[in-house]
Structure formats: C-alpha cells, structure tokens
Amino acid sequence: GMEIKKYWDVKEAKGEGVKADNEE
C-alpha cells in the first residue's frame, strides 16, 4: 500500500556556532 513519512521538521533545525549573547 501507500505510506507517507516525514524526514525532517523545522523544529529540528540546528545552527552551529551561534552564541546568543554575542550579536556581532
């Protein structure tokens, strides 16, 4: 039969090397 799966979601987005306290 037919099956639909999600392979990613927006909630899974991961940015590397971002420190929230340093705007520059």
PDB file of all heavy atoms in Angstrom:
ATOM      1  N   GLY A   1       0.816  -1.205   0.000  1.00  0.00           N
ATOM      2  CA  GLY A   1       0.000   0.000   0.000  1.00  0.00           C
ATOM      3  C   GLY A   1       0.849   1.255   0.000  1.00  0.00           C
ATOM      4  O   GLY A   1       2.046   1.220  -0.332  1.00  0.00           O
ATOM      5  N   MET A   2       0.248   2.376   0.395  1.00  0.00           N
ATOM      6  CA  MET A   2       0.933   3.669   0.383  1.00  0.00           C
ATOM      7  C   MET A   2       1.207   4.134   1.802  1.00  0.00           C
ATOM      8  O   MET A   2       0.375   3.974   2.699  1.00  0.00           O
ATOM      9  CB  MET A   2       0.074   4.713  -0.331  1.00  0.00           C
ATOM     10  CG  MET A   2       0.777   6.044  -0.557  1.00  0.00           C
ATOM     11  SD  MET A   2      -0.303   7.315  -1.248  1.00  0.00           S
ATOM     12  CE  MET A   2      -1.180   7.836   0.221  1.00  0.00           C
ATOM     13  N   GLU A   3       2.384   4.725   1.997  1.00  0.00           N
ATOM     14  CA  GLU A   3       2.777   5.256   3.302  1.00  0.00           C
ATOM     15  C   GLU A   3       3.493   6.582   3.100  1.00  0.00           C
ATOM     16  O   GLU A   3       4.277   6.735   2.164  1.00  0.00           O
ATOM     17  CB  GLU A   3       3.706   4.255   4.010  1.00  0.00           C
ATOM     18  CG  GLU A   3       4.159   4.698   5.378  1.00  0.00           C
ATOM     19  CD  GLU A   3       5.136   3.720   6.022  1.00  0.00           C
ATOM     20  OE1 GLU A   3       5.638   2.817   5.301  1.00  0.00           O
ATOM     21  OE2 GLU A   3       5.408   3.867   7.230  1.00  0.00           O
ATOM     22  N   ILE A   4       3.216   7.538   3.968  1.00  0.00           N
ATOM     23  CA  ILE A   4       3.885   8.841   3.910  1.00  0.00           C
ATOM     24  C   ILE A   4       4.642   9.065   5.211  1.00  0.00           C
ATOM     25  O   ILE A   4       4.099   8.874   6.301  1.00  0.00           O
ATOM     26  CB  ILE A   4       2.875   9.985   3.680  1.00  0.00           C
ATOM     27  CG1 ILE A   4       2.214   9.834   2.301  1.00  0.00           C
ATOM     28  CG2 ILE A   4       3.565  11.349   3.773  1.00  0.00           C
ATOM     29  CD1 ILE A   4       1.131  10.843   2.020  1.00  0.00           C
ATOM     30  N   LYS A   5       5.914   9.466   5.094  1.00  0.00           N
ATOM     31  CA  LYS A   5       6.759   9.710   6.258  1.00  0.00           C
ATOM     32  C   LYS A   5       7.403  11.089   6.162  1.00  0.00           C
ATOM     33  O   LYS A   5       7.725  11.549   5.066  1.00  0.00           O
ATOM     34  CB  LYS A   5       7.883   8.667   6.339  1.00  0.00           C
ATOM     35  CG  LYS A   5       7.428   7.232   6.515  1.00  0.00           C
ATOM     36  CD  LYS A   5       8.641   6.311   6.552  1.00  0.00           C
ATOM     37  CE  LYS A   5       8.244   4.859   6.750  1.00  0.00           C
ATOM     38  NZ  LYS A   5       9.435   3.969   6.773  1.00  0.00           N
ATOM     39  N   LYS A   6       7.597  11.717   7.302  1.00  0.00           N
ATOM     40  CA  LYS A   6       8.372  12.957   7.350  1.00  0.00           C
ATOM     41  C   LYS A   6       9.835  12.606   7.602  1.00  0.00           C
ATOM     42  O   LYS A   6      10.121  11.748   8.430  1.00  0.00           O
ATOM     43  CB  LYS A   6       7.863  13.878   8.458  1.00  0.00           C
ATOM     44  CG  LYS A   6       6.519  14.521   8.171  1.00  0.00           C
ATOM     45  CD  LYS A   6       6.176  15.582   9.196  1.00  0.00           C
ATOM     46  CE  LYS A   6       7.065  16.803   9.067  1.00  0.00           C
ATOM     47  NZ  LYS A   6       6.853  17.547   7.813  1.00  0.00           N
ATOM     48  N   TYR A   7      10.749  13.268   6.891  1.00  0.00           N
ATOM     49  CA  TYR A   7      12.168  13.020   7.124  1.00  0.00           C
ATOM     50  C   TYR A   7      12.861  14.185   7.826  1.00  0.00           C
ATOM     51  O   TYR A   7      14.036  14.085   8.186  1.00  0.00           O
ATOM     52  CB  TYR A   7      12.885  12.691   5.809  1.00  0.00           C
ATOM     53  CG  TYR A   7      12.910  13.821   4.790  1.00  0.00           C
ATOM     54  CD1 TYR A   7      13.842  14.850   4.874  1.00  0.00           C
ATOM     55  CD2 TYR A   7      12.016  13.838   3.723  1.00  0.00           C
ATOM     56  CE1 TYR A   7      13.887  15.875   3.948  1.00  0.00           C
ATOM     57  CE2 TYR A   7      12.049  14.853   2.782  1.00  0.00           C
ATOM     58  CZ  TYR A   7      12.981  15.873   2.901  1.00  0.00           C
ATOM     59  OH  TYR A   7      13.005  16.880   1.965  1.00  0.00           O
ATOM     60  N   TRP A   8      12.110  15.286   8.066  1.00  0.00           N
ATOM     61  CA  TRP A   8      12.697  16.458   8.724  1.00  0.00           C
ATOM     62  C   TRP A   8      11.571  17.363   9.180  1.00  0.00           C
ATOM     63  O   TRP A   8      10.469  17.326   8.641  1.00  0.00           O
ATOM     64  CB  TRP A   8      13.615  17.208   7.745  1.00  0.00           C
ATOM     65  CG  TRP A   8      14.301  18.428   8.312  1.00  0.00           C
ATOM     66  CD1 TRP A   8      15.455  18.458   9.047  1.00  0.00           C
ATOM     67  CD2 TRP A   8      13.882  19.792   8.183  1.00  0.00           C
ATOM     68  NE1 TRP A   8      15.782  19.752   9.383  1.00  0.00           N
ATOM     69  CE2 TRP A   8      14.827  20.597   8.863  1.00  0.00           C
ATOM     70  CE3 TRP A   8      12.803  20.417   7.570  1.00  0.00           C
ATOM     71  CZ2 TRP A   8      14.722  21.971   8.934  1.00  0.00           C
ATOM     72  CZ3 TRP A   8      12.686  21.797   7.646  1.00  0.00           C
ATOM     73  CH2 TRP A   8      13.644  22.563   8.319  1.00  0.00           C
ATOM     74  N   ASP A   9      11.840  18.176  10.192  1.00  0.00           N
ATOM     75  CA  ASP A   9      10.873  19.188  10.607  1.00  0.00           C
ATOM     76  C   ASP A   9      11.624  20.451  11.003  1.00  0.00           C
ATOM     77  O   ASP A   9      12.790  20.395  11.414  1.00  0.00           O
ATOM     78  CB  ASP A   9      10.022  18.691  11.774  1.00  0.00           C
ATOM     79  CG  ASP A   9       8.842  19.621  12.036  1.00  0.00           C
ATOM     80  OD1 ASP A   9       7.829  19.488  11.328  1.00  0.00           O
ATOM     81  OD2 ASP A   9       8.936  20.486  12.924  1.00  0.00           O
ATOM     82  N   VAL A  10      10.933  21.567  10.875  1.00  0.00           N
ATOM     83  CA  VAL A  10      11.530  22.863  11.208  1.00  0.00           C
ATOM     84  C   VAL A  10      12.097  22.856  12.624  1.00  0.00           C
ATOM     85  O   VAL A  10      13.132  23.471  12.900  1.00  0.00           O
ATOM     86  CB  VAL A  10      10.469  23.984  11.051  1.00  0.00           C
ATOM     87  CG1 VAL A  10      11.037  25.326  11.490  1.00  0.00           C
ATOM     88  CG2 VAL A  10       9.982  24.056   9.614  1.00  0.00           C
ATOM     89  N   LYS A  11      11.443  22.141  13.527  1.00  0.00           N
ATOM     90  CA  LYS A  11      11.898  22.093  14.922  1.00  0.00           C
ATOM     91  C   LYS A  11      13.277  21.462  15.057  1.00  0.00           C
ATOM     92  O   LYS A  11      13.955  21.641  16.069  1.00  0.00           O
ATOM     93  CB  LYS A  11      10.893  21.300  15.766  1.00  0.00           C
ATOM     94  CG  LYS A  11       9.534  21.952  15.894  1.00  0.00           C
ATOM     95  CD  LYS A  11       8.582  21.081  16.681  1.00  0.00           C
ATOM     96  CE  LYS A  11       8.243  19.809  15.937  1.00  0.00           C
ATOM     97  NZ  LYS A  11       7.214  19.006  16.623  1.00  0.00           N
ATOM     98  N   GLU A  12      13.683  20.697  14.041  1.00  0.00           N
ATOM     99  CA  GLU A  12      14.973  20.016  14.103  1.00  0.00           C
ATOM    100  C   GLU A  12      16.137  20.888  13.656  1.00  0.00           C
ATOM    101  O   GLU A  12      17.289  20.457  13.723  1.00  0.00           O
ATOM    102  CB  GLU A  12      14.932  18.757  13.227  1.00  0.00           C
ATOM    103  CG  GLU A  12      13.892  17.737  13.655  1.00  0.00           C
ATOM    104  CD  GLU A  12      13.796  16.589  12.667  1.00  0.00           C
ATOM    105  OE1 GLU A  12      14.798  16.313  11.970  1.00  0.00           O
ATOM    106  OE2 GLU A  12      12.729  15.974  12.576  1.00  0.00           O
ATOM    107  N   ALA A  13      15.838  22.091  13.174  1.00  0.00           N
ATOM    108  CA  ALA A  13      16.910  22.961  12.668  1.00  0.00           C
ATOM    109  C   ALA A  13      17.918  23.249  13.769  1.00  0.00           C
ATOM    110  O   ALA A  13      17.569  23.628  14.878  1.00  0.00           O
ATOM    111  CB  ALA A  13      16.316  24.266  12.151  1.00  0.00           C
ATOM    112  N   LYS A  14      19.165  23.056  13.440  1.00  0.00           N
ATOM    113  CA  LYS A  14      20.250  23.276  14.403  1.00  0.00           C
ATOM    114  C   LYS A  14      21.322  24.145  13.750  1.00  0.00           C
ATOM    115  O   LYS A  14      21.942  23.759  12.773  1.00  0.00           O
ATOM    116  CB  LYS A  14      20.875  21.942  14.839  1.00  0.00           C
ATOM    117  CG  LYS A  14      19.904  21.008  15.564  1.00  0.00           C
ATOM    118  CD  LYS A  14      19.604  21.500  16.974  1.00  0.00           C
ATOM    119  CE  LYS A  14      18.830  20.452  17.759  1.00  0.00           C
ATOM    120  NZ  LYS A  14      17.533  20.123  17.198  1.00  0.00           N
ATOM    121  N   GLY A  15      21.497  25.336  14.293  1.00  0.00           N
ATOM    122  CA  GLY A  15      22.569  26.183  13.804  1.00  0.00           C
ATOM    123  C   GLY A  15      23.837  25.945  14.605  1.00  0.00           C
ATOM    124  O   GLY A  15      23.793  25.849  15.832  1.00  0.00           O
ATOM    125  N   GLU A  16      24.951  25.841  13.936  1.00  0.00           N
ATOM    126  CA  GLU A  16      26.204  25.559  14.632  1.00  0.00           C
ATOM    127  C   GLU A  16      26.976  26.843  14.908  1.00  0.00           C
ATOM    128  O   GLU A  16      27.037  27.737  14.079  1.00  0.00           O
ATOM    129  CB  GLU A  16      27.052  24.609  13.795  1.00  0.00           C
ATOM    130  CG  GLU A  16      26.399  23.250  13.568  1.00  0.00           C
ATOM    131  CD  GLU A  16      27.234  22.376  12.668  1.00  0.00           C
ATOM    132  OE1 GLU A  16      28.343  22.813  12.292  1.00  0.00           O
ATOM    133  OE2 GLU A  16      26.790  21.276  12.334  1.00  0.00           O
ATOM    134  N   GLY A  17      27.577  26.914  16.059  1.00  0.00           N
ATOM    135  CA  GLY A  17      28.490  28.011  16.374  1.00  0.00           C
ATOM    136  C   GLY A  17      27.834  29.342  16.633  1.00  0.00           C
ATOM    137  O   GLY A  17      28.446  30.377  16.475  1.00  0.00           O
ATOM    138  N   VAL A  18      26.543  29.360  17.022  1.00  0.00           N
ATOM    139  CA  VAL A  18      25.846  30.612  17.299  1.00  0.00           C
ATOM    140  C   VAL A  18      25.755  30.816  18.805  1.00  0.00           C
ATOM    141  O   VAL A  18      25.218  29.976  19.518  1.00  0.00           O
ATOM    142  CB  VAL A  18      24.425  30.605  16.687  1.00  0.00           C
ATOM    143  CG1 VAL A  18      23.682  31.864  17.087  1.00  0.00           C
ATOM    144  CG2 VAL A  18      24.499  30.479  15.186  1.00  0.00           C
ATOM    145  N   LYS A  19      26.274  31.924  19.278  1.00  0.00           N
ATOM    146  CA  LYS A  19      26.171  32.261  20.696  1.00  0.00           C
ATOM    147  C   LYS A  19      25.211  33.433  20.845  1.00  0.00           C
ATOM    148  O   LYS A  19      25.439  34.517  20.328  1.00  0.00           O
ATOM    149  CB  LYS A  19      27.548  32.611  21.264  1.00  0.00           C
ATOM    150  CG  LYS A  19      28.483  31.404  21.317  1.00  0.00           C
ATOM    151  CD  LYS A  19      29.736  31.722  22.107  1.00  0.00           C
ATOM    152  CE  LYS A  19      30.611  30.467  22.237  1.00  0.00           C
ATOM    153  NZ  LYS A  19      31.838  30.722  23.016  1.00  0.00           N
ATOM    154  N   ALA A  20      24.104  33.170  21.548  1.00  0.00           N
ATOM    155  CA  ALA A  20      23.009  34.119  21.604  1.00  0.00           C
ATOM    156  C   ALA A  20      23.387  35.440  22.266  1.00  0.00           C
ATOM    157  O   ALA A  20      22.709  36.438  22.082  1.00  0.00           O
ATOM    158  CB  ALA A  20      21.825  33.494  22.340  1.00  0.00           C
ATOM    159  N   ASP A  21      24.442  35.463  23.051  1.00  0.00           N
ATOM    160  CA  ASP A  21      24.803  36.678  23.778  1.00  0.00           C
ATOM    161  C   ASP A  21      25.759  37.573  22.991  1.00  0.00           C
ATOM    162  O   ASP A  21      26.184  38.605  23.488  1.00  0.00           O
ATOM    163  CB  ASP A  21      25.417  36.313  25.133  1.00  0.00           C
ATOM    164  CG  ASP A  21      26.672  35.451  24.984  1.00  0.00           C
ATOM    165  OD1 ASP A  21      26.857  34.879  23.893  1.00  0.00           O
ATOM    166  OD2 ASP A  21      27.434  35.361  25.956  1.00  0.00           O
ATOM    167  N   ASN A  22      26.101  37.211  21.774  1.00  0.00           N
ATOM    168  CA  ASN A  22      27.069  37.988  21.003  1.00  0.00           C
ATOM    169  C   ASN A  22      26.481  38.360  19.639  1.00  0.00           C
ATOM    170  O   ASN A  22      26.564  37.609  18.675  1.00  0.00           O
ATOM    171  CB  ASN A  22      28.360  37.187  20.824  1.00  0.00           C
ATOM    172  CG  ASN A  22      29.501  38.045  20.324  1.00  0.00           C
ATOM    173  OD1 ASN A  22      29.293  38.956  19.512  1.00  0.00           O
ATOM    174  ND2 ASN A  22      30.705  37.767  20.783  1.00  0.00           N
ATOM    175  N   GLU A  23      25.874  39.557  19.573  1.00  0.00           N
ATOM    176  CA  GLU A  23      25.216  39.973  18.338  1.00  0.00           C
ATOM    177  C   GLU A  23      26.197  40.111  17.182  1.00  0.00           C
ATOM    178  O   GLU A  23      25.872  39.785  16.035  1.00  0.00           O
ATOM    179  CB  GLU A  23      24.480  41.294  18.561  1.00  0.00           C
ATOM    180  CG  GLU A  23      23.267  41.167  19.466  1.00  0.00           C
ATOM    181  CD  GLU A  23      22.488  42.459  19.554  1.00  0.00           C
ATOM    182  OE1 GLU A  23      22.709  43.363  18.704  1.00  0.00           O
ATOM    183  OE2 GLU A  23      21.648  42.586  20.466  1.00  0.00           O
ATOM    184  N   GLU A  24      27.394  40.599  17.467  1.00  0.00           N
ATOM    185  CA  GLU A  24      28.372  40.800  16.389  1.00  0.00           C
ATOM    186  C   GLU A  24      28.750  39.471  15.747  1.00  0.00           C
ATOM    187  O   GLU A  24      28.881  39.366  14.526  1.00  0.00           O
ATOM    188  CB  GLU A  24      29.622  41.502  16.938  1.00  0.00           C
ATOM    189  CG  GLU A  24      29.364  42.888  17.504  1.00  0.00           C
ATOM    190  CD  GLU A  24      28.690  43.815  16.505  1.00  0.00           C
ATOM    191  OE1 GLU A  24      29.025  43.733  15.299  1.00  0.00           O
ATOM    192  OE2 GLU A  24      27.826  44.609  16.921  1.00  0.00           O
TER     193      GLU A  24
END
